[in-house]
Amino acid sequence: MTEPATPSSAARTTPEPRSAYHVFRAIGTRWMDNDVYGHVNNVVYYSWFDTAVNAYLIEQGVLDIERGTTIGLVVETQCNYFAPLAFPQTVEAGLRVARLGGSSVRYEVGLFAQGALQTAAAGHFVHVYVDRTTRRPVPLPGPLRAALQPLLRV
């Protein structure tokens, strides 16, 4: 009889430094973000991922949430937690792009307690860009690709 597979310690993700990310956004925690255990609930981290990515895209002028013909749909997401965050801390979300595909982008976000040198959490999500009406994948628009190019992880 064989033992069930378990994740190896070599495969574990570890915290990363600020230098691993290209742009940052400060995000204030809210009283309601904490759970009964006294730290930010895990679902809030995914909201911060969305905030970091979409704010960057809006600021770069490549996401029009009301009238844009191309929209990004999340098809995959994941997060690793290394240290607790809690209200009233300010979180700093670092952003980078791990992969630019034909119609998809893998965004990676590191969450830091304000001023911390290592990630408290790090994760990713993949957007597949689609036509707003048909919901069928479309090639990444040129301006979007250009805005994301500087964020590519080396």
N, C-alpha and C. Protein backbone atom coordinates (compact mmCIF):
# COMPACT_ATOMS: atom_id res chain seq x y z
N MET A 1 0.85 -1.18 0.00
CA MET A 1 0.00 0.00 0.00
C MET A 1 0.89 1.24 0.00
N THR A 2 0.55 2.22 -0.82
CA THR A 2 1.36 3.43 -0.91
C THR A 2 0.76 4.53 -0.05
N GLU A 3 1.62 5.41 0.38
CA GLU A 3 1.20 6.57 1.17
C GLU A 3 0.56 7.60 0.25
N PRO A 4 -0.45 8.33 0.74
CA PRO A 4 -1.01 9.41 -0.08
C PRO A 4 0.04 10.49 -0.33
N ALA A 5 -0.04 11.12 -1.48
CA ALA A 5 0.91 12.17 -1.81
C ALA A 5 0.70 13.38 -0.91
N THR A 6 1.79 13.98 -0.47
CA THR A 6 1.72 15.22 0.31
C THR A 6 2.64 16.23 -0.35
N PRO A 7 2.32 17.51 -0.22
CA PRO A 7 3.20 18.52 -0.82
C PRO A 7 4.58 18.46 -0.18
N SER A 8 5.61 18.55 -0.98
CA SER A 8 6.97 18.53 -0.43
C SER A 8 7.33 19.92 0.07
N SER A 9 8.20 19.96 1.04
CA SER A 9 8.61 21.25 1.57
C SER A 9 9.37 22.04 0.51
N ALA A 10 9.99 21.36 -0.46
CA ALA A 10 10.70 22.05 -1.53
C ALA A 10 9.74 22.81 -2.44
N ALA A 11 8.51 22.37 -2.52
CA ALA A 11 7.53 23.00 -3.39
C ALA A 11 6.82 24.18 -2.72
N ARG A 12 7.07 24.39 -1.45
CA ARG A 12 6.39 25.46 -0.73
C ARG A 12 6.83 26.82 -1.22
N THR A 13 5.89 27.72 -1.29
CA THR A 13 6.18 29.09 -1.67
C THR A 13 6.68 29.83 -0.45
N THR A 14 7.62 30.74 -0.65
CA THR A 14 8.19 31.51 0.45
C THR A 14 7.95 33.00 0.19
N PRO A 15 8.01 33.81 1.25
CA PRO A 15 7.83 35.25 1.08
C PRO A 15 8.88 35.82 0.11
N GLU A 16 8.50 36.91 -0.55
CA GLU A 16 9.41 37.56 -1.49
C GLU A 16 9.68 38.99 -1.05
N PRO A 17 10.78 39.57 -1.51
CA PRO A 17 11.09 40.96 -1.17
C PRO A 17 10.35 41.95 -2.06
N ARG A 18 10.31 43.19 -1.63
CA ARG A 18 9.68 44.26 -2.41
C ARG A 18 10.28 44.37 -3.81
N SER A 19 11.56 44.11 -3.92
CA SER A 19 12.24 44.27 -5.21
C SER A 19 11.70 43.31 -6.27
N ALA A 20 10.91 42.33 -5.89
CA ALA A 20 10.35 41.37 -6.85
C ALA A 20 9.13 41.95 -7.58
N TYR A 21 8.67 43.12 -7.16
CA TYR A 21 7.47 43.73 -7.74
C TYR A 21 7.80 45.08 -8.35
N HIS A 22 6.99 45.50 -9.33
CA HIS A 22 7.33 46.68 -10.12
C HIS A 22 6.60 47.95 -9.72
N VAL A 23 5.32 47.86 -9.38
CA VAL A 23 4.55 49.04 -8.97
C VAL A 23 3.78 48.69 -7.70
N PHE A 24 3.48 49.72 -6.91
CA PHE A 24 2.82 49.50 -5.63
C PHE A 24 1.60 50.41 -5.47
N ARG A 25 0.64 49.91 -4.70
CA ARG A 25 -0.56 50.66 -4.37
C ARG A 25 -0.85 50.47 -2.89
N ALA A 26 -1.05 51.57 -2.18
CA ALA A 26 -1.44 51.50 -0.77
C ALA A 26 -2.95 51.25 -0.68
N ILE A 27 -3.33 50.32 0.19
CA ILE A 27 -4.74 49.99 0.40
C ILE A 27 -5.00 49.98 1.90
N GLY A 28 -5.95 50.76 2.34
CA GLY A 28 -6.30 50.79 3.76
C GLY A 28 -7.18 49.61 4.14
N THR A 29 -6.88 49.01 5.27
CA THR A 29 -7.77 47.96 5.78
C THR A 29 -8.97 48.63 6.44
N ARG A 30 -10.04 47.85 6.58
CA ARG A 30 -11.26 48.34 7.20
C ARG A 30 -11.58 47.47 8.42
N TRP A 31 -12.31 48.02 9.36
CA TRP A 31 -12.72 47.27 10.55
C TRP A 31 -13.38 45.96 10.15
N MET A 32 -14.23 46.01 9.14
CA MET A 32 -14.98 44.82 8.74
C MET A 32 -14.11 43.76 8.04
N ASP A 33 -12.86 44.10 7.69
CA ASP A 33 -11.97 43.12 7.04
C ASP A 33 -11.50 42.05 8.02
N ASN A 34 -11.42 42.40 9.30
CA ASN A 34 -10.97 41.42 10.31
C ASN A 34 -12.04 40.35 10.53
N ASP A 35 -11.58 39.16 10.83
CA ASP A 35 -12.51 38.09 11.19
C ASP A 35 -12.43 37.83 12.69
N VAL A 36 -13.11 36.83 13.16
CA VAL A 36 -13.17 36.55 14.59
C VAL A 36 -11.82 36.14 15.17
N TYR A 37 -10.87 35.79 14.31
CA TYR A 37 -9.54 35.40 14.77
C TYR A 37 -8.60 36.59 14.91
N GLY A 38 -9.09 37.80 14.60
CA GLY A 38 -8.31 39.00 14.83
C GLY A 38 -7.39 39.40 13.69
N HIS A 39 -7.56 38.80 12.52
CA HIS A 39 -6.78 39.21 11.35
C HIS A 39 -7.69 39.29 10.14
N VAL A 40 -7.16 39.84 9.06
CA VAL A 40 -7.96 40.01 7.85
C VAL A 40 -8.38 38.64 7.32
N ASN A 41 -9.65 38.51 6.98
CA ASN A 41 -10.17 37.26 6.45
C ASN A 41 -9.59 37.00 5.06
N ASN A 42 -9.37 35.73 4.75
CA ASN A 42 -8.70 35.37 3.50
C ASN A 42 -9.40 35.87 2.25
N VAL A 43 -10.71 35.99 2.24
CA VAL A 43 -11.40 36.44 1.02
C VAL A 43 -11.07 37.89 0.68
N VAL A 44 -10.69 38.69 1.67
CA VAL A 44 -10.37 40.09 1.43
C VAL A 44 -9.10 40.22 0.58
N TYR A 45 -8.18 39.29 0.72
CA TYR A 45 -6.93 39.33 -0.05
C TYR A 45 -7.23 39.32 -1.55
N TYR A 46 -8.22 38.54 -1.96
CA TYR A 46 -8.57 38.47 -3.38
C TYR A 46 -9.15 39.81 -3.87
N SER A 47 -9.87 40.50 -3.01
CA SER A 47 -10.37 41.82 -3.35
C SER A 47 -9.20 42.79 -3.55
N TRP A 48 -8.17 42.67 -2.74
CA TRP A 48 -6.99 43.52 -2.89
C TRP A 48 -6.27 43.22 -4.21
N PHE A 49 -6.23 41.96 -4.61
CA PHE A 49 -5.63 41.61 -5.90
C PHE A 49 -6.37 42.34 -7.01
N ASP A 50 -7.70 42.25 -7.00
CA ASP A 50 -8.52 42.94 -8.01
C ASP A 50 -8.27 44.44 -7.99
N THR A 51 -8.23 45.01 -6.81
CA THR A 51 -8.01 46.45 -6.68
C THR A 51 -6.67 46.86 -7.27
N ALA A 52 -5.61 46.14 -6.95
CA ALA A 52 -4.27 46.49 -7.43
C ALA A 52 -4.21 46.42 -8.96
N VAL A 53 -4.71 45.35 -9.53
CA VAL A 53 -4.64 45.17 -10.98
C VAL A 53 -5.53 46.17 -11.71
N ASN A 54 -6.79 46.22 -11.33
CA ASN A 54 -7.73 47.06 -12.08
C ASN A 54 -7.45 48.55 -11.91
N ALA A 55 -6.99 48.98 -10.75
CA ALA A 55 -6.61 50.39 -10.58
C ALA A 55 -5.44 50.73 -11.50
N TYR A 56 -4.46 49.83 -11.58
CA TYR A 56 -3.33 50.06 -12.49
C TYR A 56 -3.82 50.20 -13.94
N LEU A 57 -4.69 49.28 -14.36
CA LEU A 57 -5.19 49.30 -15.74
C LEU A 57 -5.99 50.57 -16.03
N ILE A 58 -6.81 51.00 -15.09
CA ILE A 58 -7.59 52.23 -15.26
C ILE A 58 -6.66 53.43 -15.35
N GLU A 59 -5.67 53.50 -14.43
CA GLU A 59 -4.72 54.61 -14.44
C GLU A 59 -3.91 54.67 -15.73
N GLN A 60 -3.64 53.53 -16.33
CA GLN A 60 -2.89 53.48 -17.59
C GLN A 60 -3.78 53.77 -18.80
N GLY A 61 -5.08 53.91 -18.57
CA GLY A 61 -6.01 54.22 -19.64
C GLY A 61 -6.35 53.04 -20.54
N VAL A 62 -6.15 51.82 -20.03
CA VAL A 62 -6.40 50.63 -20.86
C VAL A 62 -7.60 49.81 -20.38
N LEU A 63 -8.31 50.29 -19.38
CA LEU A 63 -9.52 49.63 -18.92
C LEU A 63 -10.61 50.67 -18.74
N ASP A 64 -11.65 50.54 -19.55
CA ASP A 64 -12.84 51.39 -19.42
C ASP A 64 -13.94 50.47 -18.91
N ILE A 65 -14.22 50.53 -17.61
CA ILE A 65 -15.14 49.56 -16.99
C ILE A 65 -16.58 49.73 -17.45
N GLU A 66 -16.93 50.89 -18.02
CA GLU A 66 -18.30 51.12 -18.45
C GLU A 66 -18.53 50.89 -19.93
N ARG A 67 -17.55 51.28 -20.78
CA ARG A 67 -17.79 51.25 -22.23
C ARG A 67 -16.75 50.44 -23.01
N GLY A 68 -15.75 49.89 -22.36
CA GLY A 68 -14.72 49.17 -23.08
C GLY A 68 -15.28 47.94 -23.79
N THR A 69 -14.78 47.65 -24.97
CA THR A 69 -15.27 46.49 -25.73
C THR A 69 -14.58 45.20 -25.30
N THR A 70 -13.42 45.33 -24.66
CA THR A 70 -12.68 44.17 -24.17
C THR A 70 -12.65 44.20 -22.65
N ILE A 71 -12.96 43.06 -22.03
CA ILE A 71 -12.94 42.96 -20.58
C ILE A 71 -12.14 41.72 -20.17
N GLY A 72 -11.59 41.75 -18.98
CA GLY A 72 -10.85 40.60 -18.46
C GLY A 72 -11.71 39.80 -17.51
N LEU A 73 -11.80 38.50 -17.74
CA LEU A 73 -12.51 37.59 -16.84
C LEU A 73 -11.50 36.75 -16.09
N VAL A 74 -11.66 36.63 -14.78
CA VAL A 74 -10.75 35.82 -13.97
C VAL A 74 -11.08 34.35 -14.18
N VAL A 75 -10.07 33.58 -14.58
CA VAL A 75 -10.27 32.14 -14.80
C VAL A 75 -9.46 31.29 -13.83
N GLU A 76 -8.55 31.92 -13.09
CA GLU A 76 -7.73 31.17 -12.13
C GLU A 76 -7.23 32.14 -11.08
N THR A 77 -7.19 31.68 -9.85
CA THR A 77 -6.66 32.51 -8.78
C THR A 77 -6.08 31.63 -7.69
N GLN A 78 -5.12 32.20 -6.95
CA GLN A 78 -4.44 31.45 -5.90
C GLN A 78 -3.74 32.43 -4.97
N CYS A 79 -3.60 32.05 -3.70
CA CYS A 79 -2.92 32.91 -2.73
C CYS A 79 -2.19 32.07 -1.70
N ASN A 80 -0.99 32.51 -1.32
CA ASN A 80 -0.23 31.92 -0.22
C ASN A 80 -0.11 32.97 0.88
N TYR A 81 -0.29 32.54 2.11
CA TYR A 81 -0.27 33.44 3.27
C TYR A 81 0.97 33.16 4.10
N PHE A 82 1.69 34.23 4.48
CA PHE A 82 2.93 34.07 5.24
C PHE A 82 2.88 34.73 6.61
N ALA A 83 2.17 35.85 6.72
CA ALA A 83 2.08 36.58 7.98
C ALA A 83 0.72 37.27 8.04
N PRO A 84 0.13 37.39 9.21
CA PRO A 84 -1.20 38.01 9.30
C PRO A 84 -1.16 39.51 9.04
N LEU A 85 -2.24 40.00 8.49
CA LEU A 85 -2.50 41.43 8.35
C LEU A 85 -3.78 41.71 9.12
N ALA A 86 -3.92 42.91 9.67
CA ALA A 86 -5.11 43.22 10.48
C ALA A 86 -5.40 44.71 10.44
N PHE A 87 -6.69 45.05 10.61
CA PHE A 87 -7.09 46.44 10.79
C PHE A 87 -6.43 46.93 12.06
N PRO A 88 -5.86 48.11 12.08
CA PRO A 88 -5.91 49.22 11.14
C PRO A 88 -4.66 49.37 10.26
N GLN A 89 -4.01 48.30 9.89
CA GLN A 89 -2.82 48.40 9.04
C GLN A 89 -3.15 48.92 7.65
N THR A 90 -2.14 49.52 7.04
CA THR A 90 -2.20 49.83 5.62
C THR A 90 -1.44 48.72 4.90
N VAL A 91 -2.02 48.23 3.82
CA VAL A 91 -1.41 47.17 3.02
C VAL A 91 -0.84 47.82 1.77
N GLU A 92 0.33 47.38 1.35
CA GLU A 92 0.92 47.83 0.10
C GLU A 92 0.95 46.65 -0.86
N ALA A 93 0.23 46.80 -1.97
CA ALA A 93 0.13 45.73 -2.96
C ALA A 93 1.13 45.97 -4.07
N GLY A 94 2.07 45.03 -4.22
CA GLY A 94 3.04 45.09 -5.31
C GLY A 94 2.50 44.29 -6.49
N LEU A 95 2.73 44.78 -7.69
CA LEU A 95 2.17 44.16 -8.89
C LEU A 95 3.27 43.85 -9.90
N ARG A 96 3.13 42.70 -10.55
CA ARG A 96 3.98 42.33 -11.68
C ARG A 96 3.17 41.43 -12.61
N VAL A 97 3.69 41.21 -13.80
CA VAL A 97 3.07 40.31 -14.76
C VAL A 97 4.02 39.15 -14.99
N ALA A 98 3.52 37.93 -14.81
CA ALA A 98 4.35 36.74 -15.00
C ALA A 98 4.29 36.24 -16.44
N ARG A 99 3.15 36.47 -17.10
CA ARG A 99 2.99 35.95 -18.47
C ARG A 99 2.00 36.79 -19.24
N LEU A 100 2.41 37.17 -20.45
CA LEU A 100 1.52 37.83 -21.41
C LEU A 100 1.26 36.84 -22.52
N GLY A 101 0.04 36.35 -22.62
CA GLY A 101 -0.31 35.41 -23.68
C GLY A 101 -0.99 36.13 -24.83
N GLY A 102 -1.59 35.35 -25.72
CA GLY A 102 -2.31 35.93 -26.84
C GLY A 102 -3.58 36.64 -26.42
N SER A 103 -4.32 36.03 -25.47
CA SER A 103 -5.56 36.64 -24.97
C SER A 103 -5.63 36.59 -23.45
N SER A 104 -4.53 36.24 -22.80
CA SER A 104 -4.57 36.12 -21.33
C SER A 104 -3.34 36.75 -20.70
N VAL A 105 -3.49 37.07 -19.41
CA VAL A 105 -2.40 37.65 -18.63
C VAL A 105 -2.41 36.99 -17.25
N ARG A 106 -1.23 36.59 -16.78
CA ARG A 106 -1.09 36.12 -15.41
C ARG A 106 -0.48 37.26 -14.60
N TYR A 107 -1.30 37.83 -13.71
CA TYR A 107 -0.88 38.89 -12.80
C TYR A 107 -0.42 38.24 -11.50
N GLU A 108 0.64 38.77 -10.91
CA GLU A 108 1.09 38.33 -9.60
C GLU A 108 1.11 39.54 -8.67
N VAL A 109 0.58 39.34 -7.48
CA VAL A 109 0.44 40.42 -6.51
C VAL A 109 1.06 39.99 -5.19
N GLY A 110 1.93 40.84 -4.66
CA GLY A 110 2.50 40.62 -3.33
C GLY A 110 1.88 41.63 -2.38
N LEU A 111 1.40 41.17 -1.24
CA LEU A 111 0.81 42.05 -0.25
C LEU A 111 1.77 42.21 0.92
N PHE A 112 2.06 43.45 1.25
CA PHE A 112 3.02 43.78 2.30
C PHE A 112 2.33 44.61 3.37
N ALA A 113 2.65 44.36 4.65
CA ALA A 113 2.28 45.33 5.67
C ALA A 113 3.07 46.59 5.35
N GLN A 114 2.49 47.76 5.62
CA GLN A 114 3.16 49.01 5.28
C GLN A 114 4.59 49.03 5.79
N GLY A 115 5.54 49.23 4.89
CA GLY A 115 6.95 49.32 5.24
C GLY A 115 7.66 47.98 5.41
N ALA A 116 6.94 46.87 5.37
CA ALA A 116 7.57 45.55 5.55
C ALA A 116 8.43 45.21 4.33
N LEU A 117 9.46 44.44 4.56
CA LEU A 117 10.39 44.08 3.50
C LEU A 117 10.01 42.80 2.76
N GLN A 118 9.17 41.96 3.38
CA GLN A 118 8.78 40.68 2.79
C GLN A 118 7.25 40.61 2.67
N THR A 119 6.78 39.83 1.70
CA THR A 119 5.34 39.68 1.51
C THR A 119 4.68 39.01 2.71
N ALA A 120 3.53 39.52 3.09
CA ALA A 120 2.69 38.86 4.08
C ALA A 120 1.83 37.81 3.38
N ALA A 121 1.57 38.06 2.10
CA ALA A 121 0.83 37.12 1.25
C ALA A 121 1.23 37.40 -0.19
N ALA A 122 1.13 36.38 -1.01
CA ALA A 122 1.43 36.54 -2.44
C ALA A 122 0.53 35.60 -3.22
N GLY A 123 0.09 36.07 -4.36
CA GLY A 123 -0.77 35.22 -5.17
C GLY A 123 -0.81 35.67 -6.60
N HIS A 124 -1.71 35.06 -7.33
CA HIS A 124 -1.86 35.41 -8.74
C HIS A 124 -3.32 35.25 -9.16
N PHE A 125 -3.62 35.87 -10.26
CA PHE A 125 -4.84 35.51 -10.98
C PHE A 125 -4.60 35.70 -12.46
N VAL A 126 -5.36 34.95 -13.22
CA VAL A 126 -5.26 34.98 -14.68
C VAL A 126 -6.53 35.60 -15.23
N HIS A 127 -6.34 36.64 -16.03
CA HIS A 127 -7.43 37.23 -16.79
C HIS A 127 -7.39 36.67 -18.20
N VAL A 128 -8.51 36.23 -18.71
CA VAL A 128 -8.67 35.97 -20.13
C VAL A 128 -9.47 37.15 -20.66
N TYR A 129 -8.93 37.81 -21.67
CA TYR A 129 -9.59 38.97 -22.23
C TYR A 129 -10.57 38.54 -23.31
N VAL A 130 -11.80 39.06 -23.18
CA VAL A 130 -12.90 38.64 -24.04
C VAL A 130 -13.63 39.87 -24.57
N ASP A 131 -14.39 39.66 -25.63
CA ASP A 131 -15.30 40.66 -26.13
C ASP A 131 -16.43 40.82 -25.11
N ARG A 132 -16.73 42.06 -24.74
CA ARG A 132 -17.74 42.32 -23.71
C ARG A 132 -19.09 41.69 -24.06
N THR A 133 -19.47 41.71 -25.33
CA THR A 133 -20.78 41.23 -25.74
C THR A 133 -20.81 39.71 -25.93
N THR A 134 -19.87 39.17 -26.68
CA THR A 134 -19.91 37.74 -27.02
C THR A 134 -19.28 36.86 -25.96
N ARG A 135 -18.43 37.46 -25.11
CA ARG A 135 -17.67 36.72 -24.08
C ARG A 135 -16.70 35.71 -24.70
N ARG A 136 -16.32 35.90 -25.94
CA ARG A 136 -15.35 35.05 -26.62
C ARG A 136 -13.96 35.70 -26.49
N PRO A 137 -12.91 34.90 -26.30
CA PRO A 137 -11.56 35.45 -26.18
C PRO A 137 -11.16 36.29 -27.40
N VAL A 138 -10.43 37.36 -27.12
CA VAL A 138 -9.91 38.23 -28.17
C VAL A 138 -8.42 38.46 -27.90
N PRO A 139 -7.66 38.80 -28.93
CA PRO A 139 -6.25 39.13 -28.71
C PRO A 139 -6.12 40.33 -27.77
N LEU A 140 -5.07 40.34 -26.97
CA LEU A 140 -4.83 41.49 -26.09
C LEU A 140 -4.70 42.74 -26.95
N PRO A 141 -5.47 43.78 -26.65
CA PRO A 141 -5.33 45.02 -27.40
C PRO A 141 -3.91 45.58 -27.25
N GLY A 142 -3.41 46.21 -28.30
CA GLY A 142 -2.06 46.76 -28.29
C GLY A 142 -1.77 47.68 -27.11
N PRO A 143 -2.66 48.63 -26.79
CA PRO A 143 -2.39 49.52 -25.65
C PRO A 143 -2.31 48.75 -24.31
N LEU A 144 -3.12 47.72 -24.16
CA LEU A 144 -3.06 46.92 -22.94
C LEU A 144 -1.72 46.20 -22.86
N ARG A 145 -1.32 45.57 -23.94
CA ARG A 145 -0.03 44.87 -23.98
C ARG A 145 1.11 45.84 -23.65
N ALA A 146 1.06 47.03 -24.23
CA ALA A 146 2.10 48.03 -23.99
C ALA A 146 2.14 48.46 -22.52
N ALA A 147 0.96 48.59 -21.89
CA ALA A 147 0.91 49.00 -20.48
C ALA A 147 1.42 47.91 -19.56
N LEU A 148 1.29 46.65 -19.97
CA LEU A 148 1.71 45.54 -19.12
C LEU A 148 3.17 45.14 -19.33
N GLN A 149 3.72 45.45 -20.48
CA GLN A 149 5.10 45.06 -20.80
C GLN A 149 6.10 45.48 -19.72
N PRO A 150 6.03 46.71 -19.20
CA PRO A 150 7.00 47.11 -18.16
C PRO A 150 6.87 46.32 -16.85
N LEU A 151 5.75 45.65 -16.66
CA LEU A 151 5.53 44.89 -15.42
C LEU A 151 5.98 43.44 -15.52
N LEU A 152 6.45 43.04 -16.69
CA LEU A 152 6.86 41.64 -16.89
C LEU A 152 7.99 41.26 -15.94
N ARG A 153 7.81 40.14 -15.31
CA ARG A 153 8.81 39.57 -14.39
C ARG A 153 9.97 39.05 -15.21
N VAL A 154 11.17 39.38 -14.79
CA VAL A 154 12.37 38.89 -15.51
C VAL A 154 12.98 37.69 -14.84
